[in-house]
């Protein structure tokens, strides 16, 4: 069991510290934001699985009740292969730390979900107050698209079931039909990919563990990559130039082309749409996705290796 815990710790530290720093310096995520999002999720899953597997093995070694429940269906040879008869002091300390980390992670995720639901309820109540009343005789449901009477040009999507697209009359007046189609396609890309869940997960992990490089970079890169992914969805339907012009028209009053840090992402998105980077080949994309998908299996292989070798 000592070797399993050591290997799990090495894999978790490797996936949490050096790999994210290398990934943030790479250029290919800008070309393939969807693949990059999948790679980041696989890294996060690897670290969480390492911690969960180490917690299970440590608890089985420290607490006899946990060991009896966890290895109840296994033959005696499997239990002997894990060498759970005695637990060293560092195993006890590690188990306590992992248990505290698991409880803290659960609390952060629960807080993020509660806060997201509260913000969403407040936003929907605000929209109900601002939305124009429907004529008598029409159904009360406002449908997937809601138009607000507002001079300020804006468009966004409201997560929910079903998700709702909101656009202001200022945006309708400023954008052409093709540009409006690009903006709505961009927002539908967010809704169909359920980017809100990914943003909640990354925000919760970053808030709970701000000093862990993986979670900090995961939150930062997720906000960037989901926008690039939605831009690609819009550009495939409406064209790169139309999507770029729609982005400029919709955000020109915010300083989309300025060099300030708050607007830098908008400028990068416009530059990327006007000069699309070369895409990865299908073979390269498939190999990258397959390799990333196999990474979370490493903690499981390390955890089950003693039991598999002990089976007749």
C-alpha atoms as a PDB file:
ATOM      1  CA  UNK A   1       0.000   0.000   0.000  1.00  0.00           C
ATOM      2  CA  UNK A   2       2.900   2.356   0.670  1.00  0.00           C
ATOM      3  CA  UNK A   3       3.998   2.140  -2.939  1.00  0.00           C
ATOM      4  CA  UNK A   4       0.446   2.797  -4.146  1.00  0.00           C
ATOM      5  CA  UNK A   5       0.141   5.921  -2.015  1.00  0.00           C
ATOM      6  CA  UNK A   6       3.562   7.108  -3.165  1.00  0.00           C
ATOM      7  CA  UNK A   7       2.729   6.605  -6.838  1.00  0.00           C
ATOM      8  CA  UNK A   8      -0.645   8.284  -6.453  1.00  0.00           C
ATOM      9  CA  UNK A   9       1.037  11.262  -4.798  1.00  0.00           C
ATOM     10  CA  UNK A  10       3.591  11.533  -7.604  1.00  0.00           C
ATOM     11  CA  UNK A  11       0.906  11.405 -10.294  1.00  0.00           C
ATOM     12  CA  UNK A  12      -1.244  13.984  -8.480  1.00  0.00           C
ATOM     13  CA  UNK A  13       1.651  16.414  -7.977  1.00  0.00           C
ATOM     14  CA  UNK A  14       2.781  16.015 -11.588  1.00  0.00           C
ATOM     15  CA  UNK A  15      -0.710  16.682 -12.934  1.00  0.00           C
ATOM     16  CA  UNK A  16      -1.269  19.593 -10.532  1.00  0.00           C
ATOM     17  CA  UNK A  17       1.977  21.559 -10.866  1.00  0.00           C
ATOM     18  CA  UNK A  18       4.276  21.151 -13.919  1.00  0.00           C
ATOM     19  CA  UNK A  19       1.781  19.939 -16.552  1.00  0.00           C
ATOM     20  CA  UNK A  20      -0.640  22.912 -16.217  1.00  0.00           C
ATOM     21  CA  UNK A  21       2.238  25.379 -16.518  1.00  0.00           C
ATOM     22  CA  UNK A  22       3.414  23.688 -19.701  1.00  0.00           C
ATOM     23  CA  UNK A  23      -0.115  23.611 -21.085  1.00  0.00           C
ATOM     24  CA  UNK A  24      -0.627  27.349 -20.522  1.00  0.00           C
ATOM     25  CA  UNK A  25       2.489  28.063 -22.594  1.00  0.00           C
ATOM     26  CA  UNK A  26       1.392  25.872 -25.505  1.00  0.00           C
ATOM     27  CA  UNK A  27       0.017  27.424 -28.693  1.00  0.00           C
ATOM     28  CA  UNK A  28      -2.235  24.620 -29.899  1.00  0.00           C
ATOM     29  CA  UNK A  29      -5.116  25.262 -27.380  1.00  0.00           C
ATOM     30  CA  UNK A  30      -5.859  28.484 -29.251  1.00  0.00           C
ATOM     31  CA  UNK A  31      -6.369  26.435 -32.410  1.00  0.00           C
ATOM     32  CA  UNK A  32      -8.410  23.696 -30.747  1.00  0.00           C
ATOM     33  CA  UNK A  33     -10.230  25.128 -27.715  1.00  0.00           C
ATOM     34  CA  UNK A  34     -12.625  22.177 -27.436  1.00  0.00           C
ATOM     35  CA  UNK A  35      -9.769  19.678 -27.260  1.00  0.00           C
ATOM     36  CA  UNK A  36      -7.959  21.935 -24.790  1.00  0.00           C
ATOM     37  CA  UNK A  37     -11.029  22.046 -22.542  1.00  0.00           C
ATOM     38  CA  UNK A  38     -11.152  18.252 -22.610  1.00  0.00           C
ATOM     39  CA  UNK A  39      -7.438  18.050 -21.681  1.00  0.00           C
ATOM     40  CA  UNK A  40      -7.935  20.398 -18.720  1.00  0.00           C
ATOM     41  CA  UNK A  41     -10.907  18.349 -17.515  1.00  0.00           C
ATOM     42  CA  UNK A  42      -8.871  15.160 -17.757  1.00  0.00           C
ATOM     43  CA  UNK A  43      -6.075  16.700 -15.678  1.00  0.00           C
ATOM     44  CA  UNK A  44      -8.546  17.798 -13.011  1.00  0.00           C
ATOM     45  CA  UNK A  45     -10.163  14.352 -13.026  1.00  0.00           C
ATOM     46  CA  UNK A  46      -6.729  12.746 -12.625  1.00  0.00           C
ATOM     47  CA  UNK A  47      -5.884  14.794  -9.542  1.00  0.00           C
ATOM     48  CA  UNK A  48      -9.292  14.227  -7.966  1.00  0.00           C
ATOM     49  CA  UNK A  49      -9.145  10.475  -8.648  1.00  0.00           C
ATOM     50  CA  UNK A  50      -5.640  10.286  -7.163  1.00  0.00           C
ATOM     51  CA  UNK A  51      -6.829  11.988  -3.994  1.00  0.00           C
ATOM     52  CA  UNK A  52      -9.979   9.856  -3.801  1.00  0.00           C
ATOM     53  CA  UNK A  53      -8.079   6.602  -4.311  1.00  0.00           C
ATOM     54  CA  UNK A  54      -5.435   7.585  -1.741  1.00  0.00           C
ATOM     55  CA  UNK A  55      -8.200   8.508   0.713  1.00  0.00           C
ATOM     56  CA  UNK A  56      -9.900   5.131   0.228  1.00  0.00           C
ATOM     57  CA  UNK A  57      -6.681   3.156   0.719  1.00  0.00           C
ATOM     58  CA  UNK A  58      -5.592   5.251   3.677  1.00  0.00           C
ATOM     59  CA  UNK A  59      -8.967   4.964   5.386  1.00  0.00           C
ATOM     60  CA  UNK A  60      -8.938   1.201   4.803  1.00  0.00           C
ATOM     61  CA  UNK A  61      -5.533   0.962   6.462  1.00  0.00           C
ATOM     62  CA  UNK A  62      -6.395   3.194   9.428  1.00  0.00           C
ATOM     63  CA  UNK A  63      -9.963   2.097  10.139  1.00  0.00           C
ATOM     64  CA  UNK A  64     -10.830  -1.563  10.312  1.00  0.00           C
ATOM     65  CA  UNK A  65     -14.519  -0.905   9.663  1.00  0.00           C
ATOM     66  CA  UNK A  66     -13.731   0.838   6.386  1.00  0.00           C
ATOM     67  CA  UNK A  67     -11.384  -1.996   5.406  1.00  0.00           C
ATOM     68  CA  UNK A  68     -14.032  -4.603   6.130  1.00  0.00           C
ATOM     69  CA  UNK A  69     -16.637  -2.780   4.044  1.00  0.00           C
ATOM     70  CA  UNK A  70     -14.303  -1.872   1.180  1.00  0.00           C
ATOM     71  CA  UNK A  71     -12.753  -5.321   0.767  1.00  0.00           C
ATOM     72  CA  UNK A  72     -15.771  -7.405   1.799  1.00  0.00           C
ATOM     73  CA  UNK A  73     -16.293  -9.007  -1.653  1.00  0.00           C
ATOM     74  CA  UNK A  74     -12.554  -9.520  -2.277  1.00  0.00           C
ATOM     75  CA  UNK A  75     -10.680 -12.786  -1.599  1.00  0.00           C
ATOM     76  CA  UNK A  76      -8.220 -12.841   1.344  1.00  0.00           C
ATOM     77  CA  UNK A  77      -5.290 -12.803  -1.095  1.00  0.00           C
ATOM     78  CA  UNK A  78      -6.354  -9.380  -2.388  1.00  0.00           C
ATOM     79  CA  UNK A  79      -6.482  -7.913   1.121  1.00  0.00           C
ATOM     80  CA  UNK A  80      -3.062  -9.368   1.848  1.00  0.00           C
ATOM     81  CA  UNK A  81      -1.647  -7.889  -1.369  1.00  0.00           C
ATOM     82  CA  UNK A  82      -2.551  -4.376  -0.214  1.00  0.00           C
ATOM     83  CA  UNK A  83      -0.768  -4.954   3.140  1.00  0.00           C
ATOM     84  CA  UNK A  84      -3.413  -3.153   5.177  1.00  0.00           C
ATOM     85  CA  UNK A  85      -2.638  -4.896   8.466  1.00  0.00           C
ATOM     86  CA  UNK A  86      -0.808  -1.895   9.916  1.00  0.00           C
ATOM     87  CA  UNK A  87      -0.814   1.815   9.161  1.00  0.00           C
ATOM     88  CA  UNK A  88       2.192   4.067   9.634  1.00  0.00           C
ATOM     89  CA  UNK A  89       1.774   7.487  11.289  1.00  0.00           C
ATOM     90  CA  UNK A  90       2.275   9.318   8.004  1.00  0.00           C
ATOM     91  CA  UNK A  91      -0.546   7.260   6.484  1.00  0.00           C
ATOM     92  CA  UNK A  92      -2.863   8.422   9.255  1.00  0.00           C
ATOM     93  CA  UNK A  93      -1.845  12.051   8.759  1.00  0.00           C
ATOM     94  CA  UNK A  94      -2.286  11.772   4.985  1.00  0.00           C
ATOM     95  CA  UNK A  95      -5.716  10.198   5.395  1.00  0.00           C
ATOM     96  CA  UNK A  96      -6.879  12.976   7.719  1.00  0.00           C
ATOM     97  CA  UNK A  97      -5.586  15.655   5.339  1.00  0.00           C
ATOM     98  CA  UNK A  98      -7.285  14.012   2.357  1.00  0.00           C
ATOM     99  CA  UNK A  99     -10.548  13.678   4.304  1.00  0.00           C
ATOM    100  CA  UNK A 100     -10.422  17.382   5.177  1.00  0.00           C
ATOM    101  CA  UNK A 101      -9.660  18.204   1.544  1.00  0.00           C
ATOM    102  CA  UNK A 102     -12.596  16.122   0.338  1.00  0.00           C
ATOM    103  CA  UNK A 103     -14.950  17.823   2.792  1.00  0.00           C
ATOM    104  CA  UNK A 104     -13.639  21.262   1.783  1.00  0.00           C
ATOM    105  CA  UNK A 105     -14.048  20.471  -1.923  1.00  0.00           C
ATOM    106  CA  UNK A 106     -17.613  19.319  -1.370  1.00  0.00           C
ATOM    107  CA  UNK A 107     -18.364  22.482   0.594  1.00  0.00           C
ATOM    108  CA  UNK A 108     -16.903  24.705  -2.142  1.00  0.00           C
ATOM    109  CA  UNK A 109     -18.897  22.947  -4.851  1.00  0.00           C
ATOM    110  CA  UNK A 110     -22.098  23.188  -2.809  1.00  0.00           C
ATOM    111  CA  UNK A 111     -21.499  26.878  -2.125  1.00  0.00           C
ATOM    112  CA  UNK A 112     -20.870  27.591  -5.803  1.00  0.00           C
ATOM    113  CA  UNK A 113     -24.066  25.806  -6.831  1.00  0.00           C
ATOM    114  CA  UNK A 114     -26.131  27.618  -4.181  1.00  0.00           C
ATOM    115  CA  UNK A 115     -24.665  30.984  -5.162  1.00  0.00           C
ATOM    116  CA  UNK A 116     -25.236  30.252  -8.855  1.00  0.00           C
ATOM    117  CA  UNK A 117     -28.866  29.348  -8.219  1.00  0.00           C
ATOM    118  CA  UNK A 118     -29.347  32.503  -6.140  1.00  0.00           C
ATOM    119  CA  UNK A 119     -27.788  34.701  -8.842  1.00  0.00           C
ATOM    120  CA  UNK A 120     -29.848  33.015 -11.530  1.00  0.00           C
ATOM    121  CA  UNK A 121     -33.069  33.496  -9.597  1.00  0.00           C
ATOM    122  CA  UNK A 122     -32.260  37.171  -9.059  1.00  0.00           C
ATOM    123  CA  UNK A 123     -31.412  37.641 -12.733  1.00  0.00           C
ATOM    124  CA  UNK A 124     -34.655  35.978 -13.854  1.00  0.00           C
ATOM    125  CA  UNK A 125     -36.671  38.142 -11.474  1.00  0.00           C
ATOM    126  CA  UNK A 126     -34.915  41.213 -12.867  1.00  0.00           C
ATOM    127  CA  UNK A 127     -35.693  40.087 -16.409  1.00  0.00           C
ATOM    128  CA  UNK A 128     -39.349  39.594 -15.582  1.00  0.00           C
ATOM    129  CA  UNK A 129     -39.494  43.191 -14.408  1.00  0.00           C
ATOM    130  CA  UNK A 130     -37.727  44.539 -17.479  1.00  0.00           C
ATOM    131  CA  UNK A 131     -39.350  42.344 -20.127  1.00  0.00           C
ATOM    132  CA  UNK A 132     -42.324  43.838 -21.955  1.00  0.00           C
ATOM    133  CA  UNK A 133     -45.748  42.472 -21.082  1.00  0.00           C
ATOM    134  CA  UNK A 134     -47.242  40.089 -23.591  1.00  0.00           C
ATOM    135  CA  UNK A 135     -50.580  40.968 -25.185  1.00  0.00           C
ATOM    136  CA  UNK A 136     -53.650  39.334 -23.762  1.00  0.00           C
ATOM    137  CA  UNK A 137     -54.419  35.908 -25.170  1.00  0.00           C
ATOM    138  CA  UNK A 138     -50.785  34.936 -25.792  1.00  0.00           C
ATOM    139  CA  UNK A 139     -49.132  32.210 -23.706  1.00  0.00           C
ATOM    140  CA  UNK A 140     -47.135  33.324 -20.675  1.00  0.00           C
ATOM    141  CA  UNK A 141     -43.953  31.493 -21.664  1.00  0.00           C
ATOM    142  CA  UNK A 142     -41.535  33.882 -23.316  1.00  0.00           C
ATOM    143  CA  UNK A 143     -39.744  31.236 -25.361  1.00  0.00           C
ATOM    144  CA  UNK A 144     -36.024  30.668 -25.894  1.00  0.00           C
ATOM    145  CA  UNK A 145     -35.373  34.262 -27.091  1.00  0.00           C
ATOM    146  CA  UNK A 146     -36.224  37.335 -25.039  1.00  0.00           C
ATOM    147  CA  UNK A 147     -35.912  40.876 -26.406  1.00  0.00           C
ATOM    148  CA  UNK A 148     -35.402  43.681 -23.890  1.00  0.00           C
ATOM    149  CA  UNK A 149     -36.141  47.311 -24.637  1.00  0.00           C
ATOM    150  CA  UNK A 150     -32.719  48.768 -23.876  1.00  0.00           C
ATOM    151  CA  UNK A 151     -30.502  51.186 -25.824  1.00  0.00           C
ATOM    152  CA  UNK A 152     -27.384  49.497 -24.472  1.00  0.00           C
ATOM    153  CA  UNK A 153     -26.338  46.861 -27.057  1.00  0.00           C
ATOM    154  CA  UNK A 154     -25.922  43.503 -25.390  1.00  0.00           C
ATOM    155  CA  UNK A 155     -26.701  39.815 -25.781  1.00  0.00           C
ATOM    156  CA  UNK A 156     -26.202  36.922 -23.390  1.00  0.00           C
ATOM    157  CA  UNK A 157     -27.606  33.563 -22.415  1.00  0.00           C
ATOM    158  CA  UNK A 158     -29.302  32.569 -19.201  1.00  0.00           C
ATOM    159  CA  UNK A 159     -28.562  28.990 -18.052  1.00  0.00           C
ATOM    160  CA  UNK A 160     -31.543  26.963 -17.020  1.00  0.00           C
ATOM    161  CA  UNK A 161     -33.982  24.406 -18.287  1.00  0.00           C
ATOM    162  CA  UNK A 162     -34.385  25.365 -21.036  1.00  0.00           C
ATOM    163  CA  UNK A 163     -31.640  27.997 -21.456  1.00  0.00           C
ATOM    164  CA  UNK A 164     -32.836  31.403 -22.611  1.00  0.00           C
ATOM    165  CA  UNK A 165     -31.166  33.857 -24.975  1.00  0.00           C
ATOM    166  CA  UNK A 166     -31.538  37.554 -24.203  1.00  0.00           C
ATOM    167  CA  UNK A 167     -30.848  40.354 -26.672  1.00  0.00           C
ATOM    168  CA  UNK A 168     -31.502  44.081 -26.285  1.00  0.00           C
ATOM    169  CA  UNK A 169     -33.118  46.360 -28.835  1.00  0.00           C
ATOM    170  CA  UNK A 170     -29.860  48.317 -28.919  1.00  0.00           C
ATOM    171  CA  UNK A 171     -28.113  45.236 -30.267  1.00  0.00           C
ATOM    172  CA  UNK A 172     -30.893  44.692 -32.828  1.00  0.00           C
ATOM    173  CA  UNK A 173     -30.432  48.243 -34.096  1.00  0.00           C
ATOM    174  CA  UNK A 174     -26.635  48.080 -34.209  1.00  0.00           C
ATOM    175  CA  UNK A 175     -26.154  44.626 -35.755  1.00  0.00           C
ATOM    176  CA  UNK A 176     -27.025  43.456 -39.233  1.00  0.00           C
ATOM    177  CA  UNK A 177     -29.048  40.292 -39.724  1.00  0.00           C
ATOM    178  CA  UNK A 178     -25.942  38.167 -40.378  1.00  0.00           C
ATOM    179  CA  UNK A 179     -24.114  39.679 -37.415  1.00  0.00           C
ATOM    180  CA  UNK A 180     -27.099  39.052 -35.157  1.00  0.00           C
ATOM    181  CA  UNK A 181     -27.187  35.451 -36.367  1.00  0.00           C
ATOM    182  CA  UNK A 182     -23.497  35.114 -35.443  1.00  0.00           C
ATOM    183  CA  UNK A 183     -24.083  36.522 -31.957  1.00  0.00           C
ATOM    184  CA  UNK A 184     -27.047  34.241 -31.286  1.00  0.00           C
ATOM    185  CA  UNK A 185     -25.129  31.229 -32.635  1.00  0.00           C
ATOM    186  CA  UNK A 186     -22.269  32.101 -30.280  1.00  0.00           C
ATOM    187  CA  UNK A 187     -24.632  32.144 -27.306  1.00  0.00           C
ATOM    188  CA  UNK A 188     -26.332  28.926 -28.422  1.00  0.00           C
ATOM    189  CA  UNK A 189     -22.884  27.320 -28.523  1.00  0.00           C
ATOM    190  CA  UNK A 190     -22.491  28.123 -24.823  1.00  0.00           C
ATOM    191  CA  UNK A 191     -25.923  26.711 -24.052  1.00  0.00           C
ATOM    192  CA  UNK A 192     -25.537  23.477 -26.025  1.00  0.00           C
ATOM    193  CA  UNK A 193     -22.109  22.716 -24.554  1.00  0.00           C
ATOM    194  CA  UNK A 194     -23.377  23.496 -21.021  1.00  0.00           C
ATOM    195  CA  UNK A 195     -20.391  25.721 -20.368  1.00  0.00           C
ATOM    196  CA  UNK A 196     -22.057  27.002 -17.200  1.00  0.00           C
ATOM    197  CA  UNK A 197     -21.342  23.727 -15.374  1.00  0.00           C
ATOM    198  CA  UNK A 198     -17.702  23.850 -16.412  1.00  0.00           C
ATOM    199  CA  UNK A 199     -17.404  27.446 -15.233  1.00  0.00           C
ATOM    200  CA  UNK A 200     -18.992  26.590 -11.874  1.00  0.00           C
ATOM    201  CA  UNK A 201     -16.616  23.659 -11.357  1.00  0.00           C
ATOM    202  CA  UNK A 202     -13.523  25.670 -12.206  1.00  0.00           C
ATOM    203  CA  UNK A 203     -14.615  28.600 -10.025  1.00  0.00           C
ATOM    204  CA  UNK A 204     -15.309  26.338  -7.033  1.00  0.00           C
ATOM    205  CA  UNK A 205     -11.945  24.553  -7.257  1.00  0.00           C
ATOM    206  CA  UNK A 206     -10.050  27.815  -7.729  1.00  0.00           C
ATOM    207  CA  UNK A 207     -11.816  29.393  -4.737  1.00  0.00           C
ATOM    208  CA  UNK A 208     -11.200  26.364  -2.541  1.00  0.00           C
ATOM    209  CA  UNK A 209      -7.574  25.769  -3.537  1.00  0.00           C
ATOM    210  CA  UNK A 210      -6.155  29.055  -4.892  1.00  0.00           C
ATOM    211  CA  UNK A 211      -2.527  27.968  -4.376  1.00  0.00           C
ATOM    212  CA  UNK A 212      -2.834  24.820  -6.487  1.00  0.00           C
ATOM    213  CA  UNK A 213      -1.562  25.764  -9.980  1.00  0.00           C
ATOM    214  CA  UNK A 214      -3.864  23.321 -11.760  1.00  0.00           C
ATOM    215  CA  UNK A 215      -7.072  24.731 -10.304  1.00  0.00           C
ATOM    216  CA  UNK A 216      -5.983  28.364 -10.703  1.00  0.00           C
ATOM    217  CA  UNK A 217      -5.018  27.843 -14.366  1.00  0.00           C
ATOM    218  CA  UNK A 218      -8.106  25.692 -14.947  1.00  0.00           C
ATOM    219  CA  UNK A 219     -10.396  28.547 -13.889  1.00  0.00           C
ATOM    220  CA  UNK A 220      -8.510  31.121 -15.951  1.00  0.00           C
ATOM    221  CA  UNK A 221      -8.241  28.990 -19.079  1.00  0.00           C
ATOM    222  CA  UNK A 222     -11.850  27.783 -18.880  1.00  0.00           C
ATOM    223  CA  UNK A 223     -13.194  31.346 -19.100  1.00  0.00           C
ATOM    224  CA  UNK A 224     -10.975  31.930 -22.119  1.00  0.00           C
ATOM    225  CA  UNK A 225     -11.470  28.640 -23.938  1.00  0.00           C
ATOM    226  CA  UNK A 226     -15.277  28.559 -23.676  1.00  0.00           C
ATOM    227  CA  UNK A 227     -15.397  31.919 -25.478  1.00  0.00           C
ATOM    228  CA  UNK A 228     -13.025  30.700 -28.187  1.00  0.00           C
ATOM    229  CA  UNK A 229     -15.096  27.543 -28.575  1.00  0.00           C
ATOM    230  CA  UNK A 230     -18.320  29.537 -28.960  1.00  0.00           C
ATOM    231  CA  UNK A 231     -16.570  31.850 -31.447  1.00  0.00           C
ATOM    232  CA  UNK A 232     -15.652  28.812 -33.537  1.00  0.00           C
ATOM    233  CA  UNK A 233     -19.263  27.631 -33.441  1.00  0.00           C
ATOM    234  CA  UNK A 234     -20.439  30.997 -34.741  1.00  0.00           C
ATOM    235  CA  UNK A 235     -17.682  31.315 -37.358  1.00  0.00           C
ATOM    236  CA  UNK A 236     -18.422  27.880 -38.805  1.00  0.00           C
ATOM    237  CA  UNK A 237     -22.028  28.939 -39.422  1.00  0.00           C
ATOM    238  CA  UNK A 238     -21.664  32.633 -40.263  1.00  0.00           C
ATOM    239  CA  UNK A 239     -18.030  33.073 -41.255  1.00  0.00           C
ATOM    240  CA  UNK A 240     -14.998  34.462 -39.459  1.00  0.00           C
ATOM    241  CA  UNK A 241     -15.361  38.020 -40.747  1.00  0.00           C
ATOM    242  CA  UNK A 242     -19.051  38.313 -39.866  1.00  0.00           C
ATOM    243  CA  UNK A 243     -18.429  36.963 -36.366  1.00  0.00           C
ATOM    244  CA  UNK A 244     -15.517  39.351 -35.834  1.00  0.00           C
ATOM    245  CA  UNK A 245     -17.563  42.354 -37.016  1.00  0.00           C
ATOM    246  CA  UNK A 246     -20.439  41.330 -34.767  1.00  0.00           C
ATOM    247  CA  UNK A 247     -18.067  41.108 -31.811  1.00  0.00           C
ATOM    248  CA  UNK A 248     -16.644  44.552 -32.586  1.00  0.00           C
ATOM    249  CA  UNK A 249     -20.059  46.180 -33.054  1.00  0.00           C
ATOM    250  CA  UNK A 250     -21.440  44.637 -29.887  1.00  0.00           C
ATOM    251  CA  UNK A 251     -18.445  45.605 -27.730  1.00  0.00           C
ATOM    252  CA  UNK A 252     -17.083  48.731 -29.394  1.00  0.00           C
ATOM    253  CA  UNK A 253     -18.381  50.991 -26.633  1.00  0.00           C
ATOM    254  CA  UNK A 254     -16.573  48.815 -24.063  1.00  0.00           C
ATOM    255  CA  UNK A 255     -13.160  49.304 -25.668  1.00  0.00           C
ATOM    256  CA  UNK A 256     -12.898  45.934 -27.383  1.00  0.00           C
ATOM    257  CA  UNK A 257      -9.678  46.978 -29.123  1.00  0.00           C
ATOM    258  CA  UNK A 258      -8.068  48.556 -26.069  1.00  0.00           C
ATOM    259  CA  UNK A 259      -4.981  47.132 -24.357  1.00  0.00           C
ATOM    260  CA  UNK A 260      -6.421  47.059 -20.848  1.00  0.00           C
ATOM    261  CA  UNK A 261      -6.378  43.695 -19.104  1.00  0.00           C
ATOM    262  CA  UNK A 262     -10.180  43.569 -18.732  1.00  0.00           C
ATOM    263  CA  UNK A 263     -10.667  43.874 -22.496  1.00  0.00           C
ATOM    264  CA  UNK A 264      -7.600  41.968 -23.657  1.00  0.00           C
ATOM    265  CA  UNK A 265      -9.546  38.769 -24.262  1.00  0.00           C
ATOM    266  CA  UNK A 266     -11.978  40.585 -26.558  1.00  0.00           C
ATOM    267  CA  UNK A 267      -9.070  41.934 -28.592  1.00  0.00           C
ATOM    268  CA  UNK A 268      -7.506  38.472 -28.826  1.00  0.00           C
ATOM    269  CA  UNK A 269     -10.803  36.997 -29.976  1.00  0.00           C
ATOM    270  CA  UNK A 270     -11.155  39.608 -32.708  1.00  0.00           C
ATOM    271  CA  UNK A 271      -7.572  39.063 -33.895  1.00  0.00           C
ATOM    272  CA  UNK A 272      -8.101  35.309 -33.875  1.00  0.00           C
ATOM    273  CA  UNK A 273     -11.249  35.597 -35.987  1.00  0.00           C
ATOM    274  CA  UNK A 274      -9.662  37.994 -38.484  1.00  0.00           C
ATOM    275  CA  UNK A 275      -6.569  35.795 -38.809  1.00  0.00           C
ATOM    276  CA  UNK A 276      -7.716  32.230 -38.037  1.00  0.00           C
ATOM    277  CA  UNK A 277      -4.834  30.035 -36.778  1.00  0.00           C
ATOM    278  CA  UNK A 278      -4.140  26.766 -38.639  1.00  0.00           C
ATOM    279  CA  UNK A 279      -6.249  23.932 -37.298  1.00  0.00           C
ATOM    280  CA  UNK A 280      -4.875  20.635 -36.089  1.00  0.00           C
ATOM    281  CA  UNK A 281      -5.314  17.682 -38.364  1.00  0.00           C
ATOM    282  CA  UNK A 282      -7.982  15.115 -37.601  1.00  0.00           C
ATOM    283  CA  UNK A 283      -5.365  12.516 -36.747  1.00  0.00           C
ATOM    284  CA  UNK A 284      -3.520  14.861 -34.396  1.00  0.00           C
ATOM    285  CA  UNK A 285      -6.793  15.911 -32.778  1.00  0.00           C
ATOM    286  CA  UNK A 286      -7.887  12.299 -32.290  1.00  0.00           C
ATOM    287  CA  UNK A 287      -4.513  11.301 -30.803  1.00  0.00           C
ATOM    288  CA  UNK A 288      -4.550  14.250 -28.407  1.00  0.00           C
ATOM    289  CA  UNK A 289      -8.091  13.490 -27.261  1.00  0.00           C
ATOM    290  CA  UNK A 290      -7.352   9.773 -26.830  1.00  0.00           C
ATOM    291  CA  UNK A 291      -4.170  10.445 -24.862  1.00  0.00           C
ATOM    292  CA  UNK A 292      -5.967  12.894 -22.577  1.00  0.00           C
ATOM    293  CA  UNK A 293      -8.790  10.396 -22.038  1.00  0.00           C
ATOM    294  CA  UNK A 294      -6.326   7.732 -20.886  1.00  0.00           C
ATOM    295  CA  UNK A 295      -4.655   9.952 -18.272  1.00  0.00           C
ATOM    296  CA  UNK A 296      -7.460   9.617 -15.654  1.00  0.00           C
ATOM    297  CA  UNK A 297      -7.074   5.830 -15.900  1.00  0.00           C
ATOM    298  CA  UNK A 298      -3.582   6.012 -14.363  1.00  0.00           C
ATOM    299  CA  UNK A 299      -4.820   6.451 -10.747  1.00  0.00           C
ATOM    300  CA  UNK A 300      -7.251   3.578 -11.204  1.00  0.00           C
ATOM    301  CA  UNK A 301      -4.527   1.283 -12.574  1.00  0.00           C
ATOM    302  CA  UNK A 302      -2.230   2.159  -9.663  1.00  0.00           C
ATOM    303  CA  UNK A 303      -4.996   1.555  -7.138  1.00  0.00           C
ATOM    304  CA  UNK A 304      -6.175  -1.781  -8.533  1.00  0.00           C
ATOM    305  CA  UNK A 305      -2.730  -3.144  -9.454  1.00  0.00           C
ATOM    306  CA  UNK A 306      -2.131  -5.026  -6.156  1.00  0.00           C
ATOM    307  CA  UNK A 307      -5.573  -6.576  -6.264  1.00  0.00           C
ATOM    308  CA  UNK A 308      -5.258  -7.621  -9.910  1.00  0.00           C
ATOM    309  CA  UNK A 309      -1.857  -9.262  -9.333  1.00  0.00           C
ATOM    310  CA  UNK A 310      -3.234 -11.171  -6.331  1.00  0.00           C
ATOM    311  CA  UNK A 311      -6.110 -12.714  -8.293  1.00  0.00           C
ATOM    312  CA  UNK A 312      -5.503 -16.326  -9.400  1.00  0.00           C
END
